[in-house]
Structure formats: structure tokens, C-alpha cells
Protein backbone atom coordinates (compact mmCIF):
# COMPACT_ATOMS: atom_id res chain seq x y z
CA MET A 1 -30.36 -28.90 51.88
CA ALA A 2 -29.75 -25.43 50.25
CA ALA A 3 -26.41 -24.56 49.03
CA MET A 4 -24.34 -22.65 51.69
CA LYS A 5 -24.86 -19.07 51.85
CA THR A 6 -21.94 -16.68 51.33
CA PRO A 7 -21.42 -15.89 55.05
CA ALA A 8 -20.71 -19.53 55.72
CA ARG A 9 -17.60 -19.59 53.57
CA LEU A 10 -15.95 -17.68 56.36
CA PHE A 11 -16.74 -20.62 58.65
CA THR A 12 -15.55 -23.00 55.92
CA ALA A 13 -12.34 -21.22 55.75
CA LEU A 14 -11.83 -21.58 59.55
CA LEU A 15 -12.54 -25.22 59.40
CA PHE A 16 -9.97 -25.86 56.72
CA PHE A 17 -7.40 -23.72 58.63
CA GLN A 18 -7.93 -26.29 61.56
CA LEU A 19 -7.90 -29.17 59.16
CA ASN A 20 -4.64 -28.21 57.61
CA VAL A 21 -3.11 -27.54 60.99
CA GLN A 22 -4.12 -31.02 61.88
CA PHE A 23 -2.80 -32.57 58.81
CA ASN A 24 0.76 -31.07 59.39
CA VAL A 25 0.96 -33.08 56.84
CA GLY A 26 7.74 -30.45 51.97
CA CYS A 27 15.08 -24.96 47.17
CA ILE A 28 18.44 -24.44 44.84
CA GLN A 29 22.68 -22.38 42.24
CA LYS A 30 23.27 -24.35 39.26
CA ASP A 31 26.12 -26.90 39.02
CA LYS A 32 28.00 -25.86 35.90
CA HIS A 33 28.39 -29.47 34.90
CA ALA A 34 24.84 -30.21 35.17
CA PRO A 35 23.28 -28.87 31.77
CA ASN A 36 19.75 -27.63 31.62
CA VAL A 37 18.80 -28.77 35.17
CA ALA A 38 18.62 -26.09 38.06
CA HIS A 39 20.62 -24.12 40.35
CA ALA A 40 22.11 -26.10 43.30
CA ALA A 41 20.85 -25.25 46.75
CA THR A 42 22.60 -22.37 48.31
CA THR A 43 20.27 -21.77 51.31
CA SER A 44 20.55 -23.38 54.75
CA SER A 45 18.04 -25.91 55.97
CA SER A 46 16.39 -23.23 57.97
CA SER A 47 15.53 -21.09 54.83
CA ARG A 48 11.95 -20.43 54.13
CA GLY A 49 10.40 -19.85 50.67
CA ILE A 50 11.34 -20.90 47.34
CA ALA A 51 11.37 -17.41 46.11
CA SER A 52 14.65 -16.46 47.90
CA LEU A 53 16.54 -18.71 45.63
CA LEU A 54 17.93 -18.45 42.23
CA GLU A 55 15.98 -18.75 39.01
CA PRO A 56 15.47 -22.29 37.94
CA VAL A 57 16.34 -23.88 34.63
CA GLU A 58 14.98 -26.68 32.60
CA LEU A 59 14.65 -30.15 33.88
CA ARG A 60 15.79 -32.73 31.35
CA SER A 61 15.00 -36.40 30.43
CA ILE A 62 17.33 -39.11 31.96
CA ARG A 63 15.52 -42.30 30.92
CA ALA A 64 14.85 -43.05 34.55
CA ARG A 65 13.61 -46.49 35.51
CA GLN A 66 11.68 -48.34 38.28
CA PRO A 67 9.61 -45.29 39.47
CA THR A 68 8.30 -45.43 43.15
CA VAL A 69 6.60 -42.91 45.25
CA SER A 70 6.32 -42.16 48.94
CA GLY A 71 4.97 -39.19 51.15
CA VAL A 72 4.17 -37.90 54.54
CA SER A 73 0.59 -37.30 55.86
CA SER A 74 -1.34 -35.57 52.93
CA GLY A 75 1.71 -36.73 50.89
CA GLY A 76 1.11 -40.21 52.08
CA PHE A 77 -2.47 -40.31 51.04
CA MET A 78 -1.49 -38.84 47.68
CA ALA A 79 1.39 -41.51 47.31
CA ILE A 80 -1.39 -44.15 47.52
CA GLN A 81 -3.60 -42.40 45.21
CA LEU A 82 -0.85 -42.24 42.66
CA PHE A 83 0.24 -45.82 43.21
CA VAL A 84 -3.40 -47.03 42.68
CA ALA A 85 -4.32 -44.60 39.92
CA HIS A 86 -1.07 -45.30 37.98
CA SER A 87 -0.20 -48.84 39.08
CA ASN A 88 1.21 -49.52 35.61
CA THR A 89 3.81 -47.01 36.23
CA PHE A 90 4.71 -47.04 39.80
CA GLU A 91 6.56 -50.10 41.18
CA GLY A 92 5.80 -49.54 44.80
CA ALA A 93 4.84 -47.00 47.38
CA GLY A 94 5.60 -45.75 50.88
CA THR A 95 3.56 -43.86 53.37
CA PHE A 96 4.38 -41.81 56.65
CA ALA A 97 1.13 -41.06 58.77
CA GLY A 98 -0.89 -41.65 55.53
CA GLY A 99 -3.91 -43.66 54.98
CA ILE A 100 -6.39 -45.61 52.87
CA TYR A 101 -7.38 -44.85 49.19
CA GLY A 102 -10.28 -42.51 48.73
CA CYS A 103 -11.00 -42.31 52.53
CA ALA A 104 -12.42 -38.79 52.32
CA LYS A 105 -15.07 -39.66 49.83
CA GLY A 106 -17.26 -41.62 52.40
CA GLN A 107 -17.07 -44.32 54.98
CA LYS A 108 -20.16 -44.34 57.13
CA ASP A 109 -23.71 -43.03 56.43
CA PHE A 110 -22.87 -39.40 56.12
CA MET A 111 -25.90 -37.84 57.81
CA THR A 112 -25.47 -40.26 60.79
CA LEU A 113 -21.74 -39.35 61.00
CA PHE A 114 -22.62 -35.49 60.72
CA GLU A 115 -25.28 -35.60 63.39
CA ASP A 116 -23.06 -37.91 65.67
CA ASN A 117 -20.13 -35.50 65.65
CA LYS A 118 -21.92 -32.13 65.23
CA LYS A 119 -20.61 -31.05 68.65
CA SER A 120 -17.02 -31.56 67.78
CA LEU A 121 -17.38 -30.09 64.40
CA MET A 122 -19.24 -27.04 66.08
CA ALA A 123 -15.91 -26.52 68.09
CA VAL A 124 -13.99 -26.15 64.82
CA LEU A 125 -16.51 -24.53 62.46
CA GLY A 126 -18.89 -22.80 64.69
CA SER A 127 -22.63 -23.34 65.06
CA ARG A 128 -23.55 -21.19 62.20
CA GLY A 129 -21.17 -22.90 59.71
CA VAL A 130 -22.24 -26.39 60.90
CA ASN A 131 -26.02 -25.44 60.50
CA GLU A 132 -25.47 -24.13 57.14
CA GLY A 133 -23.39 -27.00 55.74
CA ALA A 134 -20.02 -28.58 55.72
CA SER A 135 -18.64 -30.68 52.82
CA ARG A 136 -18.63 -34.49 53.05
CA PRO A 137 -14.91 -34.88 52.19
CA THR A 138 -13.99 -32.31 55.04
CA ILE A 139 -16.01 -34.15 57.79
CA GLN A 140 -14.80 -37.54 56.60
CA SER A 141 -11.20 -36.59 56.67
CA ILE A 142 -11.40 -35.08 60.14
CA GLU A 143 -13.81 -37.36 61.90
CA VAL A 144 -13.10 -40.71 60.27
CA CYS A 145 -9.77 -40.85 58.48
CA MET A 146 -7.68 -38.98 60.87
CA GLN A 147 -9.45 -39.09 64.26
CA ARG A 148 -11.78 -42.11 64.21
CA PRO A 149 -10.12 -44.62 61.94
CA SER A 150 -11.83 -47.55 63.56
CA LEU A 151 -14.81 -46.35 61.41
CA ILE A 152 -13.02 -46.73 58.13
CA ASP A 153 -14.75 -49.20 56.03
CA VAL A 154 -12.11 -51.08 53.95
CA ASP A 155 -14.76 -52.50 51.64
CA PHE A 156 -15.79 -48.93 50.71
CA SER A 157 -12.27 -48.17 49.47
CA VAL A 158 -11.89 -51.50 47.72
CA ASN A 159 -15.28 -51.00 45.90
CA LEU A 160 -14.30 -47.35 45.03
CA ALA A 161 -11.06 -48.58 43.50
CA ARG A 162 -13.01 -51.27 41.49
CA GLN A 163 -15.55 -48.69 40.35
CA ASN A 164 -12.75 -46.37 39.24
CA GLU A 165 -11.05 -49.16 37.40
CA ALA A 166 -14.29 -50.12 35.51
CA SER A 167 -14.87 -46.55 34.49
CA GLY A 168 -11.32 -46.54 33.07
CA VAL A 169 -10.01 -43.78 35.24
CA ILE A 170 -7.33 -45.82 37.00
CA ASP A 171 -5.00 -48.60 35.79
CA LYS A 172 -5.85 -52.35 36.31
CA LEU A 173 -5.85 -53.21 39.94
CA THR A 174 -3.98 -56.41 39.18
CA ASN A 175 -1.01 -54.41 38.62
CA LEU A 176 -0.82 -53.96 42.44
CA GLN A 177 -0.24 -57.65 43.00
CA ASN A 178 3.15 -58.39 44.48
CA LYS A 179 4.26 -54.91 44.40
CA PRO A 180 5.98 -53.56 47.73
CA VAL A 181 4.46 -51.02 49.88
CA ALA A 182 6.09 -49.68 53.15
CA ILE A 183 3.68 -48.28 55.74
CA PHE A 184 5.05 -46.26 58.67
CA GLN A 185 3.08 -44.89 61.50
CA GLY A 186 3.92 -43.18 64.77
CA ASP A 187 2.35 -44.73 67.88
CA LEU A 188 2.10 -41.26 69.45
CA ASP A 189 0.69 -39.51 66.19
CA PRO A 190 -2.16 -37.08 67.48
CA THR A 191 -3.12 -36.22 63.95
CA VAL A 192 -3.58 -39.34 62.01
CA LEU A 193 -4.22 -42.04 64.63
CA ALA A 194 -2.39 -45.36 64.22
CA PRO A 195 -5.26 -47.61 63.22
CA SER A 196 -5.39 -45.57 59.87
CA ALA A 197 -2.26 -47.40 58.84
CA GLU A 198 -3.72 -50.77 59.68
CA LYS A 199 -6.64 -50.11 57.48
CA LEU A 200 -4.38 -49.08 54.65
CA ASP A 201 -2.51 -52.33 55.04
CA GLN A 202 -5.77 -54.31 54.89
CA PHE A 203 -6.68 -52.42 51.74
CA LEU A 204 -3.53 -53.07 49.99
CA LYS A 205 -3.65 -56.82 50.89
CA ARG A 206 -7.09 -57.09 49.24
CA PHE A 207 -5.16 -56.51 45.90
CA GLY A 208 -2.04 -58.64 46.64
CA SER A 209 0.43 -56.03 47.42
CA ARG A 210 3.43 -56.96 49.66
CA THR A 211 3.04 -54.63 52.54
CA ARG A 212 5.35 -53.93 55.44
CA LEU A 213 3.78 -52.17 58.34
CA THR A 214 6.07 -50.57 60.82
CA MET A 215 4.76 -48.87 63.97
CA VAL A 216 7.50 -46.42 65.28
CA SER A 217 7.56 -46.32 69.04
CA GLY A 218 7.43 -42.85 70.37
CA LEU A 219 6.99 -41.05 67.05
CA GLY A 220 4.47 -38.28 66.69
CA HIS A 221 3.18 -36.82 63.41
CA ALA A 222 6.41 -36.72 61.37
CA LEU A 223 8.75 -38.53 59.19
CA PRO A 224 11.59 -40.20 61.18
CA SER A 225 15.03 -39.03 59.86
CA PRO A 226 18.57 -39.16 61.14
CA LYS A 227 18.67 -35.50 60.12
CA GLY A 228 15.40 -34.53 61.85
CA SER A 229 15.47 -31.34 64.06
CA LEU A 230 12.55 -32.46 66.21
CA ALA A 231 12.49 -34.82 69.20
CA CYS A 232 10.86 -38.03 68.29
CA GLY A 233 7.45 -37.51 70.06
CA THR A 234 7.18 -33.91 68.80
CA THR A 235 4.44 -32.88 66.24
CA GLY A 236 5.28 -29.52 64.61
CA SER A 237 7.20 -27.91 61.75
CA PRO A 238 9.14 -29.01 59.87
CA PHE A 239 7.78 -32.59 60.72
CA LEU A 240 11.11 -34.22 60.60
CA ALA A 241 11.93 -36.17 63.81
CA LYS A 242 14.88 -37.96 65.20
CA CYS A 243 13.96 -41.28 66.86
CA SER A 244 16.08 -44.01 68.23
CA ARG A 245 15.43 -47.79 68.69
CA GLN A 246 16.06 -49.60 71.89
CA ASP A 247 19.53 -50.56 70.52
CA GLY A 248 20.46 -46.91 70.16
CA SER A 249 20.28 -47.01 66.32
CA GLN A 250 18.40 -44.13 64.62
CA VAL A 251 15.20 -44.78 62.65
CA ASP A 252 15.77 -43.99 59.07
CA GLY A 253 12.35 -43.78 57.54
CA ALA A 254 13.35 -42.87 54.09
CA GLY A 255 16.11 -45.51 53.95
CA GLU A 256 13.67 -48.16 55.11
CA VAL A 257 11.11 -47.25 52.61
CA LEU A 258 13.64 -47.18 49.69
CA ARG A 259 15.08 -50.49 50.78
CA THR A 260 11.48 -51.96 50.98
CA LEU A 261 10.86 -50.81 47.53
CA TYR A 262 14.12 -51.63 45.75
CA GLY A 263 15.45 -54.48 47.82
CA GLN A 264 19.22 -54.55 48.92
CA LEU A 265 21.01 -51.16 48.49
CA ARG A 266 24.42 -49.87 49.24
CA ALA A 267 24.91 -48.26 52.60
CA ARG A 268 23.87 -44.56 52.71
CA THR A 269 26.55 -41.90 52.23
CA GLU A 270 26.66 -38.09 52.57
CA MET A 271 24.64 -36.16 50.19
CA ASP A 272 26.42 -33.84 47.75
CA PRO A 273 24.83 -30.45 48.44
CA GLN A 274 25.64 -29.33 44.90
CA SER A 275 23.31 -32.21 43.68
CA LEU A 276 20.12 -30.64 45.21
CA TYR A 277 18.37 -28.60 42.62
CA ARG A 278 15.09 -26.72 41.86
CA PHE A 279 13.27 -26.89 38.75
CA SER A 280 10.41 -25.25 37.06
CA GLN A 281 7.32 -27.32 37.52
CA SER A 282 5.55 -24.83 35.08
CA GLN A 283 8.06 -26.09 32.45
CA LEU A 284 5.80 -29.44 32.31
CA ILE A 285 2.46 -28.59 33.84
CA ASN A 286 -0.06 -25.83 34.42
CA ALA A 287 0.98 -25.46 37.98
CA ALA A 288 -1.79 -23.02 38.89
CA SER A 289 -4.56 -25.23 37.55
CA ALA A 290 -3.07 -28.27 39.70
CA THR A 291 -2.85 -25.99 42.75
CA MET A 292 0.91 -26.58 42.54
CA SER A 293 3.92 -24.25 43.01
CA GLY A 294 5.82 -22.96 40.01
CA GLU A 295 8.90 -24.71 41.33
CA GLY A 296 9.87 -28.19 42.74
CA PHE A 297 13.06 -29.84 43.83
CA VAL A 298 15.16 -32.67 42.53
CA TYR A 299 18.12 -34.33 44.06
CA TRP A 300 20.24 -35.38 41.00
CA PRO A 301 23.32 -37.48 41.76
CA LYS A 302 26.35 -36.71 39.39
CA ALA A 303 26.20 -40.35 38.42
CA CYS A 304 22.67 -39.91 37.10
CA ARG A 305 23.11 -36.79 34.81
CA ASP A 306 23.89 -38.64 31.66
CA ALA A 307 20.86 -39.54 29.70
CA ASN A 308 22.08 -43.18 29.57
CA SER A 309 22.87 -43.50 33.24
CA ASN A 310 19.79 -45.84 33.89
CA CYS A 311 19.10 -44.49 37.23
CA ARG A 312 16.08 -45.18 39.25
CA LEU A 313 13.45 -42.61 40.10
CA HIS A 314 11.70 -41.93 43.41
CA VAL A 315 8.92 -39.30 43.94
CA ALA A 316 8.88 -37.89 47.54
CA LEU A 317 5.90 -35.91 48.60
CA HIS A 318 5.90 -33.42 51.46
CA GLY A 319 3.06 -33.01 53.90
CA CYS A 320 0.94 -29.85 54.89
CA HIS A 321 3.16 -26.99 56.26
CA GLN A 322 5.98 -28.76 54.60
CA ASN A 323 6.18 -27.40 51.17
CA GLY A 324 8.91 -24.97 49.76
CA ASP A 325 6.99 -21.90 50.78
CA ALA A 326 6.66 -23.13 54.42
CA VAL A 327 10.03 -24.71 55.02
CA GLY A 328 12.32 -23.86 52.12
CA ASP A 329 14.38 -26.79 51.20
CA GLU A 330 14.15 -28.33 54.60
CA PHE A 331 12.19 -31.43 53.46
CA ALA A 332 14.11 -31.87 50.28
CA ARG A 333 17.36 -31.54 52.19
CA ASN A 334 16.66 -33.28 55.50
CA ALA A 335 14.12 -35.98 54.88
CA GLY A 336 16.93 -38.64 54.44
CA TYR A 337 16.28 -39.69 50.88
CA ASN A 338 19.32 -38.03 49.35
CA GLU A 339 21.91 -39.93 51.24
CA TRP A 340 20.59 -43.25 49.78
CA ALA A 341 20.15 -41.75 46.44
CA GLU A 342 23.67 -40.64 46.18
CA ALA A 343 24.91 -44.15 47.12
CA ASN A 344 22.52 -46.00 44.79
CA GLY A 345 22.13 -43.96 41.69
CA ILE A 346 18.44 -42.84 42.49
CA VAL A 347 16.98 -39.52 41.26
CA ILE A 348 14.70 -37.97 44.03
CA LEU A 349 11.92 -35.84 42.69
CA TYR A 350 10.29 -33.46 45.09
CA PRO A 351 7.19 -31.99 43.72
CA ASN A 352 5.68 -28.80 45.60
CA ALA A 353 2.04 -28.25 46.08
CA ALA A 354 0.88 -24.68 46.59
CA VAL A 355 -1.07 -22.74 49.03
CA SER A 356 -4.50 -21.79 47.76
CA GLN A 357 -6.93 -19.27 49.20
CA MET A 358 -9.44 -19.30 46.35
CA ALA A 359 -11.71 -21.80 44.84
CA HIS A 360 -10.14 -24.19 42.36
CA PRO A 361 -11.56 -23.98 38.93
CA MET A 362 -12.55 -27.80 39.01
CA SER A 363 -14.38 -27.36 42.37
CA ILE A 364 -18.05 -27.76 42.31
CA PRO A 365 -21.02 -26.14 44.30
CA PHE A 366 -20.64 -26.68 48.02
CA LYS A 367 -23.39 -29.07 49.23
CA ARG A 368 -23.62 -31.67 51.89
CA ASP A 369 -23.63 -34.61 49.65
CA ASP A 370 -21.14 -37.03 47.89
CA ARG A 371 -20.17 -34.46 45.28
CA SER A 372 -19.08 -31.70 47.69
CA SER A 373 -15.66 -30.24 47.17
CA SER A 374 -13.74 -27.93 49.37
CA PHE A 375 -13.72 -24.61 47.23
CA GLY A 376 -10.05 -25.17 46.58
CA TYR A 377 -9.33 -23.95 50.03
CA ASN A 378 -5.85 -25.18 50.96
CA PRO A 379 -4.05 -22.52 53.02
CA ASN A 380 -1.20 -24.80 54.18
CA GLY A 381 -0.06 -26.45 51.06
CA CYS A 382 -1.40 -29.89 51.47
CA TRP A 383 -1.75 -32.52 48.62
CA ASP A 384 -5.33 -33.16 47.67
CA TRP A 385 -6.75 -36.16 49.49
CA PHE A 386 -9.91 -34.30 50.47
CA ALA A 387 -11.24 -33.02 47.20
CA TYR A 388 -10.30 -29.61 47.10
CA THR A 389 -9.31 -29.81 43.45
CA GLY A 390 -12.59 -31.54 42.47
CA ALA A 391 -14.59 -34.72 42.92
CA PHE A 392 -12.15 -36.92 40.83
CA TYR A 393 -9.14 -36.39 43.11
CA THR A 394 -8.38 -40.17 43.34
CA THR A 395 -8.14 -40.81 39.73
CA GLN A 396 -5.94 -40.07 36.61
CA GLU A 397 -8.14 -37.15 36.01
CA ALA A 398 -7.10 -35.40 39.11
CA PRO A 399 -5.11 -32.23 38.40
CA GLN A 400 -2.24 -33.14 40.79
CA ILE A 401 -2.02 -36.85 39.94
CA GLU A 402 -1.93 -35.82 36.18
CA ALA A 403 0.84 -33.23 36.93
CA ILE A 404 3.07 -35.61 38.91
CA LYS A 405 2.65 -38.32 36.23
CA LYS A 406 3.78 -35.95 33.46
CA MET A 407 6.89 -35.13 35.51
CA VAL A 408 7.65 -38.81 35.91
CA ASP A 409 7.03 -39.51 32.22
CA PHE A 410 9.28 -36.75 31.22
CA LEU A 411 12.28 -38.10 33.37
CA MET A 412 11.61 -41.55 32.04
CA LYS A 413 11.79 -40.63 28.22
């Protein structure tokens, strides 16, 4: 099929606006005793936009250990991509409403999928856009990974990982064996349907990971947090929901992920507002080329500020509509990680993806085939699990995976 004509890009934009709405898929005056870090957060949890905060200062190495990663929705997909690509670095992973590795690259005969779902795609894209072309990762991510997870072929993702290993673009898959993975999924999630978590669980077990799958009753598309501002079944910004179990206890998603990854931990305590900082991502990476914000966040307990503190490191990835530009410091402040970090000497790194309205420099021509990308169109600040930064988005060569790995390596020096 011929490459998409210029007018169809408008319809592509509309599709990705809808796509990112469905994803739903996460700011800071300096503590004078924390040299070369950043300014402590002075905004409320309802603040919007990193630009309203004070200027950041340099992040510094603390010889962190035992790095792990987790994320929400698009951040959950990215957490698995990081875990698989850099399994020699990350000791475990966690997901909330995430999914299987490489899902958007292909699961079913593409043209059959396209024709079978042309009507539903037309409702989003418009008849002209559908007729002129829609990228494979886009259609896969909407029609299979999120809304029809029963069609997900676990063997496809397993083979993709093995092919990437053979090509030398991810670490050895044997590294995944016996490593812990916490998988959380809401049974009322209307965005990423529950069977997606089961397919991820099956994928990881194929490589010997120790998985823990938790289906949260009554949870929509959100991270369950005791500090959440939404009712449990609500799907909407800031995608942090307060859920209770039958015994009345609150579901602490971040805490349960950290306990799965690190084992027994001391009980959570209050976070220190003066320990939440922002830092310059551009200090370490070319943020623009990775479609990332110039700034990120870090929760840095006082006990971890010495270079010899030997603290652990956890990377927490926001979802769509949840980055700093969308919700300010809401995700970094209220997701629930910081309370456990304060009690247990864990540094929490909150990288920030950026909104992108233009083609990414690594994106390739828009054609309906395996190589299709999304023209870098990411209007809601999602992490790339649907190829908007290029065809190699699941590998160590992916701009965002490379960028986050640089941050982790820097903190571990």
C-alpha cells in the first residue's frame, strides 16, 4: 500500500489522541543540607506543570544498589521493556495495568486484524484515515493489547525476546530466572483489560521469573494508593485510586510491589516533604531526542544522601496524562512509594516522559507493515510501548530505555 498522504496525518493525530486518552496511562526548593541534588517540592499535590517550580540543580552519584523498576499503564509496559532489555541490571519489576513485552509489534496476522476491526477503527480514525493507512503498532496496541488481550500470542513475545537476545540488543534472558515480578491489575479496568496481566504473567514464567499476580477487586485504570484522590473504580486523572479490601485495610500498591521485589521491609512511615526533589534529566541525557522532559523527580531520604549510604534504588514510571506537565508532582508525591522509601533507605527515581506533537527523529515512514512507527505523536506524555520513538523501542537501542539506564548507572556509580 502506498505511503499515507499528508491529509491522513490529521486522522492519525486524532487516533493517537484517542489512543492516549485510553492509555491514561506521572516537582521541587532545595534542602540546604542536600548538596548538588535539587529543590524540595514546594507545590501542593494539585499543582500542575514542572515549569512552576524552582530551577533544578545537579543529581549526584550515591552508589545505589539493587535497582528495580515499576510503572503504571504505559509505564508498566515500559517497566517490562526495561526489565527484559537490561535484565543484568534490574533485580525485579512491577506493573499496574501494564502488559506483555513487545505487544504492539504484532500478535495476529496484521491484515486479518485490520479488516476484522475496520469498523471500530473507523469510529476513532475516520473512514478516510482507515482507508489510507494506520500503523501496525497503533492498531495492535488498541485492538489487541488493551481491548482484546485474548488475542495476545505469548509465543510471539517469547520469540521476539529471543530474537532480540540473539541480535545482542537485550541482555541474556537467563538473567530473568528467579527474579521477582509483581503484576497488579484492576478487575474493572476499562482501558487495559484484565487478561492482559495474565498474558504478561505467562510470558515471564516462560523465562523462570517469580511472578505474583494480584487482581484488585473494584479497581479501574489506576494505581491503588492510600493517598489516592479517586474512588476505587474511577478511571481518570491523576489515576491514583483509594481502594479497600473486605477487612477494611487499604490496598497499598507501591508497598506491595516493593515488598515483592525486596522482601521483608520496615513498616511505611510518613514521607519527608523536604526529601522530594526535582532534577535535570538533561544533565545526563539528550531529553528531546528521547521524547522526555527536561526535568524529573527523585525522592531522596536523608539517610541516603551520603555517597556511602548503600541505599537501594527503585525507578517508578508514570502513565499517560500522569507526567509532570499533566499533574505536577502528584504522581511523585502520592503514588505511595515515598513512605516505604523513607522507612527503608530506598531512593525513588521518577523519570518524566514528554508530550510530543511532532515526528520523532528516529521515526520511519508511515506504512502499514511491521516497520511502521507513529510519527512520534505522543500528545499525552506516554512512555513508548507503541513505537513512537522508532522500531527498536523494546531494545537497549530505544531512546527512552537508553536514557533511563543512563540515570540508573549514574546513581549506582
